[in-house]
C-alpha cells in the first residue's frame, strides 16, 4: 500500500480534530507507556492548541499524570479512505472539577508540538 505523508496545515489539523470522536492519551507508568482512549475538546487560540479532557480523580491515569505530566495525544480521522492523523505532545495540568462531582477532574493539555 502506497501512502503519501505530508505536513498538515493548521486548518487541516483543526478540521481533523473537529471531525474526530475521541483521542488516545499516552502517559508514562513508571517507565512504560500507558495508553487510553478519551473524549476531548480543544481550543485554538493565539496560535496555540489546548486540549481539555475529563477523567476520574482516582486510578492509573490520574496516578501517571500526577507523577509525570508529559503526555502525547493521537487523533485519527478517516474520511472516505483519506486518513488524517494528528499527534500532539504537551504537558497536562490537573484542574479542579468543573462540575459538582468530586470524583471527576479536568485535564488541560497545553500543546508544545503538533503535527
PDB file of N, CA and C in Angstrom:
ATOM      1  N   UNK A   1       0.837  -1.167   0.000  1.00  0.00           N
ATOM      2  CA  UNK A   1       0.000   0.000   0.000  1.00  0.00           C
ATOM      3  C   UNK A   1       0.891   1.242   0.000  1.00  0.00           C
ATOM      4  N   UNK A   2       0.701   2.092  -0.976  1.00  0.00           N
ATOM      5  CA  UNK A   2       1.458   3.343  -1.049  1.00  0.00           C
ATOM      6  C   UNK A   2       0.667   4.454  -0.381  1.00  0.00           C
ATOM      7  N   UNK A   3       1.334   5.161   0.502  1.00  0.00           N
ATOM      8  CA  UNK A   3       0.724   6.313   1.159  1.00  0.00           C
ATOM      9  C   UNK A   3       1.632   7.504   0.976  1.00  0.00           C
ATOM     10  N   UNK A   4       1.003   8.635   0.896  1.00  0.00           N
ATOM     11  CA  UNK A   4       1.764   9.871   0.817  1.00  0.00           C
ATOM     12  C   UNK A   4       1.672  10.562   2.167  1.00  0.00           C
ATOM     13  N   UNK A   5       2.824  10.903   2.739  1.00  0.00           N
ATOM     14  CA  UNK A   5       2.868  11.600   4.010  1.00  0.00           C
ATOM     15  C   UNK A   5       3.292  13.039   3.780  1.00  0.00           C
ATOM     16  N   UNK A   6       2.584  13.957   4.465  1.00  0.00           N
ATOM     17  CA  UNK A   6       2.937  15.360   4.348  1.00  0.00           C
ATOM     18  C   UNK A   6       2.498  16.084   5.619  1.00  0.00           C
ATOM     19  N   UNK A   7       3.092  17.209   5.835  1.00  0.00           N
ATOM     20  CA  UNK A   7       2.742  18.051   6.977  1.00  0.00           C
ATOM     21  C   UNK A   7       1.347  18.642   6.745  1.00  0.00           C
ATOM     22  N   UNK A   8       0.522  18.623   7.780  1.00  0.00           N
ATOM     23  CA  UNK A   8      -0.818  19.189   7.682  1.00  0.00           C
ATOM     24  C   UNK A   8      -0.771  20.686   7.983  1.00  0.00           C
ATOM     25  N   UNK A   9      -1.654  21.430   7.352  1.00  0.00           N
ATOM     26  CA  UNK A   9      -1.791  22.851   7.668  1.00  0.00           C
ATOM     27  C   UNK A   9      -2.599  22.981   8.963  1.00  0.00           C
ATOM     28  N   UNK A  10      -2.559  24.149   9.551  1.00  0.00           N
ATOM     29  CA  UNK A  10      -3.340  24.390  10.767  1.00  0.00           C
ATOM     30  C   UNK A  10      -4.818  24.162  10.514  1.00  0.00           C
ATOM     31  N   UNK A  11      -5.319  24.618   9.380  1.00  0.00           N
ATOM     32  CA  UNK A  11      -6.737  24.430   9.070  1.00  0.00           C
ATOM     33  C   UNK A  11      -7.079  22.946   8.909  1.00  0.00           C
ATOM     34  N   UNK A  12      -6.176  22.152   8.337  1.00  0.00           N
ATOM     35  CA  UNK A  12      -6.402  20.705   8.207  1.00  0.00           C
ATOM     36  C   UNK A  12      -6.385  20.031   9.581  1.00  0.00           C
ATOM     37  N   UNK A  13      -5.499  20.481  10.446  1.00  0.00           N
ATOM     38  CA  UNK A  13      -5.461  19.948  11.808  1.00  0.00           C
ATOM     39  C   UNK A  13      -6.774  20.251  12.525  1.00  0.00           C
ATOM     40  N   UNK A  14      -7.234  21.478  12.441  1.00  0.00           N
ATOM     41  CA  UNK A  14      -8.493  21.878  13.081  1.00  0.00           C
ATOM     42  C   UNK A  14      -9.656  21.057  12.528  1.00  0.00           C
ATOM     43  N   UNK A  15      -9.701  20.860  11.217  1.00  0.00           N
ATOM     44  CA  UNK A  15     -10.776  20.069  10.601  1.00  0.00           C
ATOM     45  C   UNK A  15     -10.738  18.621  11.089  1.00  0.00           C
ATOM     46  N   UNK A  16      -9.547  18.034  11.179  1.00  0.00           N
ATOM     47  CA  UNK A  16      -9.418  16.651  11.654  1.00  0.00           C
ATOM     48  C   UNK A  16      -9.851  16.539  13.115  1.00  0.00           C
ATOM     49  N   UNK A  17      -9.463  17.516  13.943  1.00  0.00           N
ATOM     50  CA  UNK A  17      -9.851  17.488  15.354  1.00  0.00           C
ATOM     51  C   UNK A  17     -11.354  17.677  15.520  1.00  0.00           C
ATOM     52  N   UNK A  18     -11.949  18.542  14.714  1.00  0.00           N
ATOM     53  CA  UNK A  18     -13.404  18.742  14.780  1.00  0.00           C
ATOM     54  C   UNK A  18     -14.172  17.488  14.380  1.00  0.00           C
ATOM     55  N   UNK A  19     -13.631  16.709  13.454  1.00  0.00           N
ATOM     56  CA  UNK A  19     -14.314  15.517  12.956  1.00  0.00           C
ATOM     57  C   UNK A  19     -14.114  14.289  13.847  1.00  0.00           C
ATOM     58  N   UNK A  20     -13.058  14.291  14.642  1.00  0.00           N
ATOM     59  CA  UNK A  20     -12.723  13.115  15.449  1.00  0.00           C
ATOM     60  C   UNK A  20     -13.678  12.949  16.631  1.00  0.00           C
ATOM     61  N   UNK A  21     -13.921  11.702  16.986  1.00  0.00           N
ATOM     62  CA  UNK A  21     -14.814  11.403  18.100  1.00  0.00           C
ATOM     63  C   UNK A  21     -14.061  11.190  19.411  1.00  0.00           C
ATOM     64  N   UNK A  22     -12.796  10.805  19.330  1.00  0.00           N
ATOM     65  CA  UNK A  22     -12.001  10.589  20.533  1.00  0.00           C
ATOM     66  C   UNK A  22     -10.520  10.702  20.192  1.00  0.00           C
ATOM     67  N   UNK A  23      -9.699  10.702  21.229  1.00  0.00           N
ATOM     68  CA  UNK A  23      -8.248  10.708  21.052  1.00  0.00           C
ATOM     69  C   UNK A  23      -7.658   9.585  21.896  1.00  0.00           C
ATOM     70  N   UNK A  24      -6.403   9.300  21.663  1.00  0.00           N
ATOM     71  CA  UNK A  24      -5.635   8.379  22.507  1.00  0.00           C
ATOM     72  C   UNK A  24      -4.680   9.220  23.329  1.00  0.00           C
ATOM     73  N   UNK A  25      -4.734   9.062  24.641  1.00  0.00           N
ATOM     74  CA  UNK A  25      -3.848   9.771  25.557  1.00  0.00           C
ATOM     75  C   UNK A  25      -2.770   8.808  26.019  1.00  0.00           C
ATOM     76  N   UNK A  26      -1.519   9.188  25.822  1.00  0.00           N
ATOM     77  CA  UNK A  26      -0.402   8.369  26.254  1.00  0.00           C
ATOM     78  C   UNK A  26       0.329   9.081  27.392  1.00  0.00           C
ATOM     79  N   UNK A  27       0.453   8.371  28.514  1.00  0.00           N
ATOM     80  CA  UNK A  27       1.197   8.863  29.668  1.00  0.00           C
ATOM     81  C   UNK A  27       2.293   7.841  29.976  1.00  0.00           C
ATOM     82  N   UNK A  28       3.054   8.098  31.008  1.00  0.00           N
ATOM     83  CA  UNK A  28       4.066   7.131  31.440  1.00  0.00           C
ATOM     84  C   UNK A  28       3.671   6.539  32.788  1.00  0.00           C
ATOM     85  N   UNK A  29       3.724   5.204  32.856  1.00  0.00           N
ATOM     86  CA  UNK A  29       3.505   4.473  34.089  1.00  0.00           C
ATOM     87  C   UNK A  29       4.863   3.934  34.503  1.00  0.00           C
ATOM     88  N   UNK A  30       5.525   4.651  35.415  1.00  0.00           N
ATOM     89  CA  UNK A  30       6.945   4.421  35.706  1.00  0.00           C
ATOM     90  C   UNK A  30       7.702   4.684  34.412  1.00  0.00           C
ATOM     91  N   UNK A  31       8.266   3.689  33.782  1.00  0.00           N
ATOM     92  CA  UNK A  31       8.972   3.932  32.514  1.00  0.00           C
ATOM     93  C   UNK A  31       8.248   3.293  31.333  1.00  0.00           C
ATOM     94  N   UNK A  32       7.036   2.777  31.550  1.00  0.00           N
ATOM     95  CA  UNK A  32       6.269   2.124  30.482  1.00  0.00           C
ATOM     96  C   UNK A  32       5.144   3.031  30.002  1.00  0.00           C
ATOM     97  N   UNK A  33       4.860   3.023  28.696  1.00  0.00           N
ATOM     98  CA  UNK A  33       3.737   3.813  28.186  1.00  0.00           C
ATOM     99  C   UNK A  33       2.403   3.278  28.708  1.00  0.00           C
ATOM    100  N   UNK A  34       1.492   4.183  28.962  1.00  0.00           N
ATOM    101  CA  UNK A  34       0.127   3.833  29.354  1.00  0.00           C
ATOM    102  C   UNK A  34      -0.803   4.597  28.415  1.00  0.00           C
ATOM    103  N   UNK A  35      -1.593   3.880  27.635  1.00  0.00           N
ATOM    104  CA  UNK A  35      -2.387   4.461  26.553  1.00  0.00           C
ATOM    105  C   UNK A  35      -3.870   4.207  26.799  1.00  0.00           C
ATOM    106  N   UNK A  36      -4.683   5.271  26.744  1.00  0.00           N
ATOM    107  CA  UNK A  36      -6.123   5.139  26.962  1.00  0.00           C
ATOM    108  C   UNK A  36      -6.894   6.022  25.971  1.00  0.00           C
ATOM    109  N   UNK A  37      -8.053   5.531  25.494  1.00  0.00           N
ATOM    110  CA  UNK A  37      -8.904   6.373  24.647  1.00  0.00           C
ATOM    111  C   UNK A  37      -9.695   7.349  25.516  1.00  0.00           C
ATOM    112  N   UNK A  38      -9.885   8.575  25.006  1.00  0.00           N
ATOM    113  CA  UNK A  38     -10.625   9.589  25.756  1.00  0.00           C
ATOM    114  C   UNK A  38     -11.387  10.513  24.810  1.00  0.00           C
ATOM    115  N   UNK A  39     -12.528  10.985  25.268  1.00  0.00           N
ATOM    116  CA  UNK A  39     -13.228  12.056  24.557  1.00  0.00           C
ATOM    117  C   UNK A  39     -12.503  13.360  24.881  1.00  0.00           C
ATOM    118  N   UNK A  40     -12.605  14.317  23.976  1.00  0.00           N
ATOM    119  CA  UNK A  40     -11.859  15.564  24.170  1.00  0.00           C
ATOM    120  C   UNK A  40     -12.564  16.732  23.512  1.00  0.00           C
ATOM    121  N   UNK A  41     -12.173  17.900  23.937  1.00  0.00           N
ATOM    122  CA  UNK A  41     -12.474  19.140  23.223  1.00  0.00           C
ATOM    123  C   UNK A  41     -11.130  19.839  23.062  1.00  0.00           C
ATOM    124  N   UNK A  42     -11.085  20.824  22.192  1.00  0.00           N
ATOM    125  CA  UNK A  42      -9.832  21.549  22.007  1.00  0.00           C
ATOM    126  C   UNK A  42     -10.114  23.011  21.756  1.00  0.00           C
ATOM    127  N   UNK A  43      -9.079  23.794  21.938  1.00  0.00           N
ATOM    128  CA  UNK A  43      -9.170  25.235  21.691  1.00  0.00           C
ATOM    129  C   UNK A  43      -7.942  25.634  20.863  1.00  0.00           C
ATOM    130  N   UNK A  44      -8.156  26.465  19.869  1.00  0.00           N
ATOM    131  CA  UNK A  44      -7.082  27.056  19.061  1.00  0.00           C
ATOM    132  C   UNK A  44      -7.163  28.545  19.314  1.00  0.00           C
ATOM    133  N   UNK A  45      -6.179  29.081  20.042  1.00  0.00           N
ATOM    134  CA  UNK A  45      -6.226  30.492  20.420  1.00  0.00           C
ATOM    135  C   UNK A  45      -4.811  31.048  20.448  1.00  0.00           C
ATOM    136  N   UNK A  46      -4.633  32.195  19.855  1.00  0.00           N
ATOM    137  CA  UNK A  46      -3.330  32.878  19.830  1.00  0.00           C
ATOM    138  C   UNK A  46      -2.217  31.972  19.307  1.00  0.00           C
ATOM    139  N   UNK A  47      -2.546  31.151  18.309  1.00  0.00           N
ATOM    140  CA  UNK A  47      -1.546  30.294  17.687  1.00  0.00           C
ATOM    141  C   UNK A  47      -1.178  29.053  18.476  1.00  0.00           C
ATOM    142  N   UNK A  48      -1.957  28.725  19.511  1.00  0.00           N
ATOM    143  CA  UNK A  48      -1.662  27.557  20.334  1.00  0.00           C
ATOM    144  C   UNK A  48      -2.884  26.658  20.483  1.00  0.00           C
ATOM    145  N   UNK A  49      -2.622  25.352  20.498  1.00  0.00           N
ATOM    146  CA  UNK A  49      -3.664  24.364  20.746  1.00  0.00           C
ATOM    147  C   UNK A  49      -3.663  23.987  22.221  1.00  0.00           C
ATOM    148  N   UNK A  50      -4.862  23.839  22.785  1.00  0.00           N
ATOM    149  CA  UNK A  50      -5.047  23.315  24.128  1.00  0.00           C
ATOM    150  C   UNK A  50      -6.152  22.277  24.053  1.00  0.00           C
ATOM    151  N   UNK A  51      -5.926  21.121  24.663  1.00  0.00           N
ATOM    152  CA  UNK A  51      -6.932  20.070  24.722  1.00  0.00           C
ATOM    153  C   UNK A  51      -7.511  20.024  26.123  1.00  0.00           C
ATOM    154  N   UNK A  52      -8.789  19.672  26.226  1.00  0.00           N
ATOM    155  CA  UNK A  52      -9.439  19.503  27.506  1.00  0.00           C
ATOM    156  C   UNK A  52     -10.068  18.120  27.539  1.00  0.00           C
ATOM    157  N   UNK A  53      -9.722  17.356  28.565  1.00  0.00           N
ATOM    158  CA  UNK A  53     -10.240  16.011  28.751  1.00  0.00           C
ATOM    159  C   UNK A  53     -10.818  15.926  30.158  1.00  0.00           C
ATOM    160  N   UNK A  54     -11.647  14.916  30.410  1.00  0.00           N
ATOM    161  CA  UNK A  54     -12.200  14.745  31.743  1.00  0.00           C
ATOM    162  C   UNK A  54     -11.937  13.319  32.189  1.00  0.00           C
ATOM    163  N   UNK A  55     -11.614  13.153  33.457  1.00  0.00           N
ATOM    164  CA  UNK A  55     -11.227  11.841  33.964  1.00  0.00           C
ATOM    165  C   UNK A  55     -11.635  11.697  35.421  1.00  0.00           C
ATOM    166  N   UNK A  56     -11.544  10.479  35.892  1.00  0.00           N
ATOM    167  CA  UNK A  56     -11.744  10.196  37.301  1.00  0.00           C
ATOM    168  C   UNK A  56     -10.556  10.736  38.088  1.00  0.00           C
ATOM    169  N   UNK A  57     -10.794  11.107  39.316  1.00  0.00           N
ATOM    170  CA  UNK A  57      -9.704  11.595  40.159  1.00  0.00           C
ATOM    171  C   UNK A  57      -8.871  10.449  40.709  1.00  0.00           C
ATOM    172  N   UNK A  58      -9.336   9.229  40.549  1.00  0.00           N
ATOM    173  CA  UNK A  58      -8.618   8.062  41.048  1.00  0.00           C
ATOM    174  C   UNK A  58      -8.353   7.093  39.913  1.00  0.00           C
ATOM    175  N   UNK A  59      -7.288   6.325  40.037  1.00  0.00           N
ATOM    176  CA  UNK A  59      -6.974   5.311  39.045  1.00  0.00           C
ATOM    177  C   UNK A  59      -5.592   5.500  38.452  1.00  0.00           C
ATOM    178  N   UNK A  60      -5.254   4.596  37.566  1.00  0.00           N
ATOM    179  CA  UNK A  60      -3.900   4.575  36.993  1.00  0.00           C
ATOM    180  C   UNK A  60      -3.579   5.843  36.214  1.00  0.00           C
ATOM    181  N   UNK A  61      -4.536   6.335  35.408  1.00  0.00           N
ATOM    182  CA  UNK A  61      -4.294   7.542  34.605  1.00  0.00           C
ATOM    183  C   UNK A  61      -4.007   8.749  35.498  1.00  0.00           C
ATOM    184  N   UNK A  62      -4.802   8.924  36.534  1.00  0.00           N
ATOM    185  CA  UNK A  62      -4.592  10.037  37.461  1.00  0.00           C
ATOM    186  C   UNK A  62      -3.242   9.908  38.158  1.00  0.00           C
ATOM    187  N   UNK A  63      -2.881   8.688  38.535  1.00  0.00           N
ATOM    188  CA  UNK A  63      -1.585   8.460  39.181  1.00  0.00           C
ATOM    189  C   UNK A  63      -0.434   8.799  38.229  1.00  0.00           C
ATOM    190  N   UNK A  64      -0.544   8.347  36.979  1.00  0.00           N
ATOM    191  CA  UNK A  64       0.509   8.611  35.984  1.00  0.00           C
ATOM    192  C   UNK A  64       0.676  10.104  35.749  1.00  0.00           C
ATOM    193  N   UNK A  65      -0.443  10.822  35.616  1.00  0.00           N
ATOM    194  CA  UNK A  65      -0.379  12.263  35.351  1.00  0.00           C
ATOM    195  C   UNK A  65       0.172  13.033  36.546  1.00  0.00           C
ATOM    196  N   UNK A  66      -0.129  12.574  37.745  1.00  0.00           N
ATOM    197  CA  UNK A  66       0.398  13.248  38.936  1.00  0.00           C
ATOM    198  C   UNK A  66       1.916  13.052  39.033  1.00  0.00           C
ATOM    199  N   UNK A  67       2.387  11.889  38.595  1.00  0.00           N
ATOM    200  CA  UNK A  67       3.817  11.586  38.664  1.00  0.00           C
ATOM    201  C   UNK A  67       4.614  12.252  37.542  1.00  0.00           C
ATOM    202  N   UNK A  68       4.038  12.280  36.334  1.00  0.00           N
ATOM    203  CA  UNK A  68       4.742  12.839  35.172  1.00  0.00           C
ATOM    204  C   UNK A  68       3.711  13.482  34.242  1.00  0.00           C
ATOM    205  N   UNK A  69       3.671  14.807  34.131  1.00  0.00           N
ATOM    206  CA  UNK A  69       2.649  15.479  33.333  1.00  0.00           C
ATOM    207  C   UNK A  69       2.898  15.480  31.812  1.00  0.00           C
ATOM    208  N   UNK A  70       4.048  14.958  31.370  1.00  0.00           N
ATOM    209  CA  UNK A  70       4.316  14.911  29.923  1.00  0.00           C
ATOM    210  C   UNK A  70       3.396  13.877  29.272  1.00  0.00           C
ATOM    211  N   UNK A  71       2.698  14.283  28.213  1.00  0.00           N
ATOM    212  CA  UNK A  71       1.748  13.392  27.537  1.00  0.00           C
ATOM    213  C   UNK A  71       1.890  13.521  26.023  1.00  0.00           C
ATOM    214  N   UNK A  72       1.299  12.566  25.343  1.00  0.00           N
ATOM    215  CA  UNK A  72       1.165  12.629  23.899  1.00  0.00           C
ATOM    216  C   UNK A  72      -0.274  12.257  23.570  1.00  0.00           C
ATOM    217  N   UNK A  73      -0.876  13.008  22.655  1.00  0.00           N
ATOM    218  CA  UNK A  73      -2.224  12.723  22.183  1.00  0.00           C
ATOM    219  C   UNK A  73      -2.155  12.334  20.716  1.00  0.00           C
ATOM    220  N   UNK A  74      -2.952  11.346  20.349  1.00  0.00           N
ATOM    221  CA  UNK A  74      -3.044  10.931  18.955  1.00  0.00           C
ATOM    222  C   UNK A  74      -4.512  10.947  18.556  1.00  0.00           C
ATOM    223  N   UNK A  75      -4.795  11.613  17.448  1.00  0.00           N
ATOM    224  CA  UNK A  75      -6.158  11.705  16.925  1.00  0.00           C
ATOM    225  C   UNK A  75      -6.120  11.276  15.470  1.00  0.00           C
ATOM    226  N   UNK A  76      -6.949  10.304  15.119  1.00  0.00           N
ATOM    227  CA  UNK A  76      -7.013   9.848  13.732  1.00  0.00           C
ATOM    228  C   UNK A  76      -8.431  10.012  13.225  1.00  0.00           C
ATOM    229  N   UNK A  77      -8.540  10.598  12.065  1.00  0.00           N
ATOM    230  CA  UNK A  77      -9.841  10.830  11.431  1.00  0.00           C
ATOM    231  C   UNK A  77      -9.784  10.216  10.039  1.00  0.00           C
ATOM    232  N   UNK A  78     -10.732   9.333   9.750  1.00  0.00           N
ATOM    233  CA  UNK A  78     -10.780   8.636   8.469  1.00  0.00           C
ATOM    234  C   UNK A  78     -11.974   9.166   7.675  1.00  0.00           C
ATOM    235  N   UNK A  79     -11.685   9.845   6.590  1.00  0.00           N
ATOM    236  CA  UNK A  79     -12.733  10.437   5.756  1.00  0.00           C
ATOM    237  C   UNK A  79     -12.724   9.760   4.391  1.00  0.00           C
ATOM    238  N   UNK A  80     -13.552   8.726   4.255  1.00  0.00           N
ATOM    239  CA  UNK A  80     -13.694   8.005   2.990  1.00  0.00           C
ATOM    240  C   UNK A  80     -12.354   7.565   2.419  1.00  0.00           C
ATOM    241  N   UNK A  81     -11.545   6.906   3.252  1.00  0.00           N
ATOM    242  CA  UNK A  81     -10.275   6.372   2.785  1.00  0.00           C
ATOM    243  C   UNK A  81      -9.097   7.306   2.920  1.00  0.00           C
ATOM    244  N   UNK A  82      -9.341   8.573   3.179  1.00  0.00           N
ATOM    245  CA  UNK A  82      -8.256   9.533   3.392  1.00  0.00           C
ATOM    246  C   UNK A  82      -8.060   9.677   4.904  1.00  0.00           C
ATOM    247  N   UNK A  83      -6.925   9.205   5.396  1.00  0.00           N
ATOM    248  CA  UNK A  83      -6.682   9.191   6.831  1.00  0.00           C
ATOM    249  C   UNK A  83      -5.828  10.391   7.237  1.00  0.00           C
ATOM    250  N   UNK A  84      -6.287  11.097   8.256  1.00  0.00           N
ATOM    251  CA  UNK A  84      -5.528  12.218   8.802  1.00  0.00           C
ATOM    252  C   UNK A  84      -5.205  11.906  10.257  1.00  0.00           C
ATOM    253  N   UNK A  85      -3.940  11.939  10.608  1.00  0.00           N
ATOM    254  CA  UNK A  85      -3.525  11.686  11.981  1.00  0.00           C
ATOM    255  C   UNK A  85      -2.841  12.925  12.542  1.00  0.00           C
ATOM    256  N   UNK A  86      -3.301  13.346  13.699  1.00  0.00           N
ATOM    257  CA  UNK A  86      -2.724  14.492  14.393  1.00  0.00           C
ATOM    258  C   UNK A  86      -2.035  13.964  15.646  1.00  0.00           C
ATOM    259  N   UNK A  87      -0.776  14.303  15.802  1.00  0.00           N
ATOM    260  CA  UNK A  87      -0.019  13.951  17.002  1.00  0.00           C
ATOM    261  C   UNK A  87       0.301  15.230  17.756  1.00  0.00           C
ATOM    262  N   UNK A  88      -0.004  15.251  19.039  1.00  0.00           N
ATOM    263  CA  UNK A  88       0.239  16.436  19.853  1.00  0.00           C
ATOM    264  C   UNK A  88       0.996  16.037  21.104  1.00  0.00           C
ATOM    265  N   UNK A  89       2.093  16.718  21.336  1.00  0.00           N
ATOM    266  CA  UNK A  89       2.882  16.488  22.543  1.00  0.00           C
ATOM    267  C   UNK A  89       2.696  17.683  23.454  1.00  0.00           C
ATOM    268  N   UNK A  90       2.562  17.430  24.748  1.00  0.00           N
ATOM    269  CA  UNK A  90       2.360  18.549  25.649  1.00  0.00           C
ATOM    270  C   UNK A  90       2.469  18.179  27.103  1.00  0.00           C
ATOM    271  N   UNK A  91       2.000  19.095  27.911  1.00  0.00           N
ATOM    272  CA  UNK A  91       2.090  18.962  29.361  1.00  0.00           C
ATOM    273  C   UNK A  91       0.675  19.051  29.925  1.00  0.00           C
ATOM    274  N   UNK A  92       0.312  18.060  30.733  1.00  0.00           N
ATOM    275  CA  UNK A  92      -1.018  18.013  31.328  1.00  0.00           C
ATOM    276  C   UNK A  92      -1.044  18.762  32.652  1.00  0.00           C
ATOM    277  N   UNK A  93      -2.139  19.444  32.881  1.00  0.00           N
ATOM    278  CA  UNK A  93      -2.353  20.155  34.141  1.00  0.00           C
ATOM    279  C   UNK A  93      -3.683  19.660  34.698  1.00  0.00           C
ATOM    280  N   UNK A  94      -3.657  19.152  35.914  1.00  0.00           N
ATOM    281  CA  UNK A  94      -4.876  18.670  36.545  1.00  0.00           C
ATOM    282  C   UNK A  94      -5.621  19.851  37.145  1.00  0.00           C
ATOM    283  N   UNK A  95      -6.880  20.004  36.764  1.00  0.00           N
ATOM    284  CA  UNK A  95      -7.697  21.132  37.212  1.00  0.00           C
ATOM    285  C   UNK A  95      -8.771  20.652  38.170  1.00  0.00           C
ATOM    286  N   UNK A  96      -9.255  21.519  39.041  1.00  0.00           N
ATOM    287  CA  UNK A  96     -10.367  21.135  39.917  1.00  0.00           C
ATOM    288  C   UNK A  96     -11.588  20.762  39.069  1.00  0.00           C
ATOM    289  N   UNK A  97     -12.450  19.935  39.600  1.00  0.00           N
ATOM    290  CA  UNK A  97     -13.643  19.521  38.849  1.00  0.00           C
ATOM    291  C   UNK A  97     -14.466  20.723  38.394  1.00  0.00           C
ATOM    292  N   UNK A  98     -14.983  20.646  37.160  1.00  0.00           N
ATOM    293  CA  UNK A  98     -15.830  21.727  36.642  1.00  0.00           C
ATOM    294  C   UNK A  98     -17.291  21.482  36.987  1.00  0.00           C
ATOM    295  N   UNK A  99     -17.579  20.317  37.542  1.00  0.00           N
ATOM    296  CA  UNK A  99     -18.954  20.013  37.941  1.00  0.00           C
ATOM    297  C   UNK A  99     -18.966  19.749  39.455  1.00  0.00           C
ATOM    298  N   UNK A 100     -20.106  19.404  39.970  1.00  0.00           N
ATOM    299  CA  UNK A 100     -20.242  19.182  41.406  1.00  0.00           C
ATOM    300  C   UNK A 100     -19.765  17.798  41.830  1.00  0.00           C
ATOM    301  N   UNK A 101     -19.408  16.969  40.877  1.00  0.00           N
ATOM    302  CA  UNK A 101     -18.949  15.617  41.174  1.00  0.00           C
ATOM    303  C   UNK A 101     -17.470  15.649  41.568  1.00  0.00           C
ATOM    304  N   UNK A 102     -17.159  15.351  42.792  1.00  0.00           N
ATOM    305  CA  UNK A 102     -15.786  15.410  43.284  1.00  0.00           C
ATOM    306  C   UNK A 102     -14.928  14.246  42.815  1.00  0.00           C
ATOM    307  N   UNK A 103     -15.533  13.268  42.129  1.00  0.00           N
ATOM    308  CA  UNK A 103     -14.768  12.123  41.629  1.00  0.00           C
ATOM    309  C   UNK A 103     -14.251  12.349  40.222  1.00  0.00           C
ATOM    310  N   UNK A 104     -14.542  13.499  39.644  1.00  0.00           N
ATOM    311  CA  UNK A 104     -14.082  13.812  38.293  1.00  0.00           C
ATOM    312  C   UNK A 104     -13.136  15.004  38.330  1.00  0.00           C
ATOM    313  N   UNK A 105     -12.167  14.991  37.410  1.00  0.00           N
ATOM    314  CA  UNK A 105     -11.258  16.132  37.285  1.00  0.00           C
ATOM    315  C   UNK A 105     -11.108  16.474  35.811  1.00  0.00           C
ATOM    316  N   UNK A 106     -10.776  17.706  35.550  1.00  0.00           N
ATOM    317  CA  UNK A 106     -10.477  18.129  34.187  1.00  0.00           C
ATOM    318  C   UNK A 106      -8.974  18.048  33.982  1.00  0.00           C
ATOM    319  N   UNK A 107      -8.581  17.680  32.779  1.00  0.00           N
ATOM    320  CA  UNK A 107      -7.173  17.626  32.406  1.00  0.00           C
ATOM    321  C   UNK A 107      -6.989  18.585  31.240  1.00  0.00           C
ATOM    322  N   UNK A 108      -6.171  19.592  31.429  1.00  0.00           N
ATOM    323  CA  UNK A 108      -5.869  20.548  30.371  1.00  0.00           C
ATOM    324  C   UNK A 108      -4.471  20.236  29.851  1.00  0.00           C
ATOM    325  N   UNK A 109      -4.388  20.003  28.545  1.00  0.00           N
ATOM    326  CA  UNK A 109      -3.084  19.705  27.930  1.00  0.00           C
ATOM    327  C   UNK A 109      -2.676  20.886  27.072  1.00  0.00           C
ATOM    328  N   UNK A 110      -1.618  21.553  27.472  1.00  0.00           N
ATOM    329  CA  UNK A 110      -1.042  22.638  26.680  1.00  0.00           C
ATOM    330  C   UNK A 110      -0.059  22.008  25.716  1.00  0.00           C
ATOM    331  N   UNK A 111      -0.300  22.189  24.435  1.00  0.00           N
ATOM    332  CA  UNK A 111       0.485  21.521  23.386  1.00  0.00           C
ATOM    333  C   UNK A 111       1.781  22.275  23.138  1.00  0.00           C
ATOM    334  N   UNK A 112       2.885  21.521  23.134  1.00  0.00           N
ATOM    335  CA  UNK A 112       4.187  22.108  22.836  1.00  0.00           C
ATOM    336  C   UNK A 112       4.608  21.815  21.401  1.00  0.00           C
ATOM    337  N   UNK A 113       4.059  20.740  20.826  1.00  0.00           N
ATOM    338  CA  UNK A 113       4.366  20.386  19.433  1.00  0.00           C
ATOM    339  C   UNK A 113       3.191  19.626  18.848  1.00  0.00           C
ATOM    340  N   UNK A 114       2.813  19.971  17.616  1.00  0.00           N
ATOM    341  CA  UNK A 114       1.702  19.291  16.957  1.00  0.00           C
ATOM    342  C   UNK A 114       2.060  19.078  15.495  1.00  0.00           C
ATOM    343  N   UNK A 115       1.656  17.936  14.984  1.00  0.00           N
ATOM    344  CA  UNK A 115       1.887  17.651  13.561  1.00  0.00           C
ATOM    345  C   UNK A 115       0.795  16.737  13.050  1.00  0.00           C
TER     346      UNK A 115
END
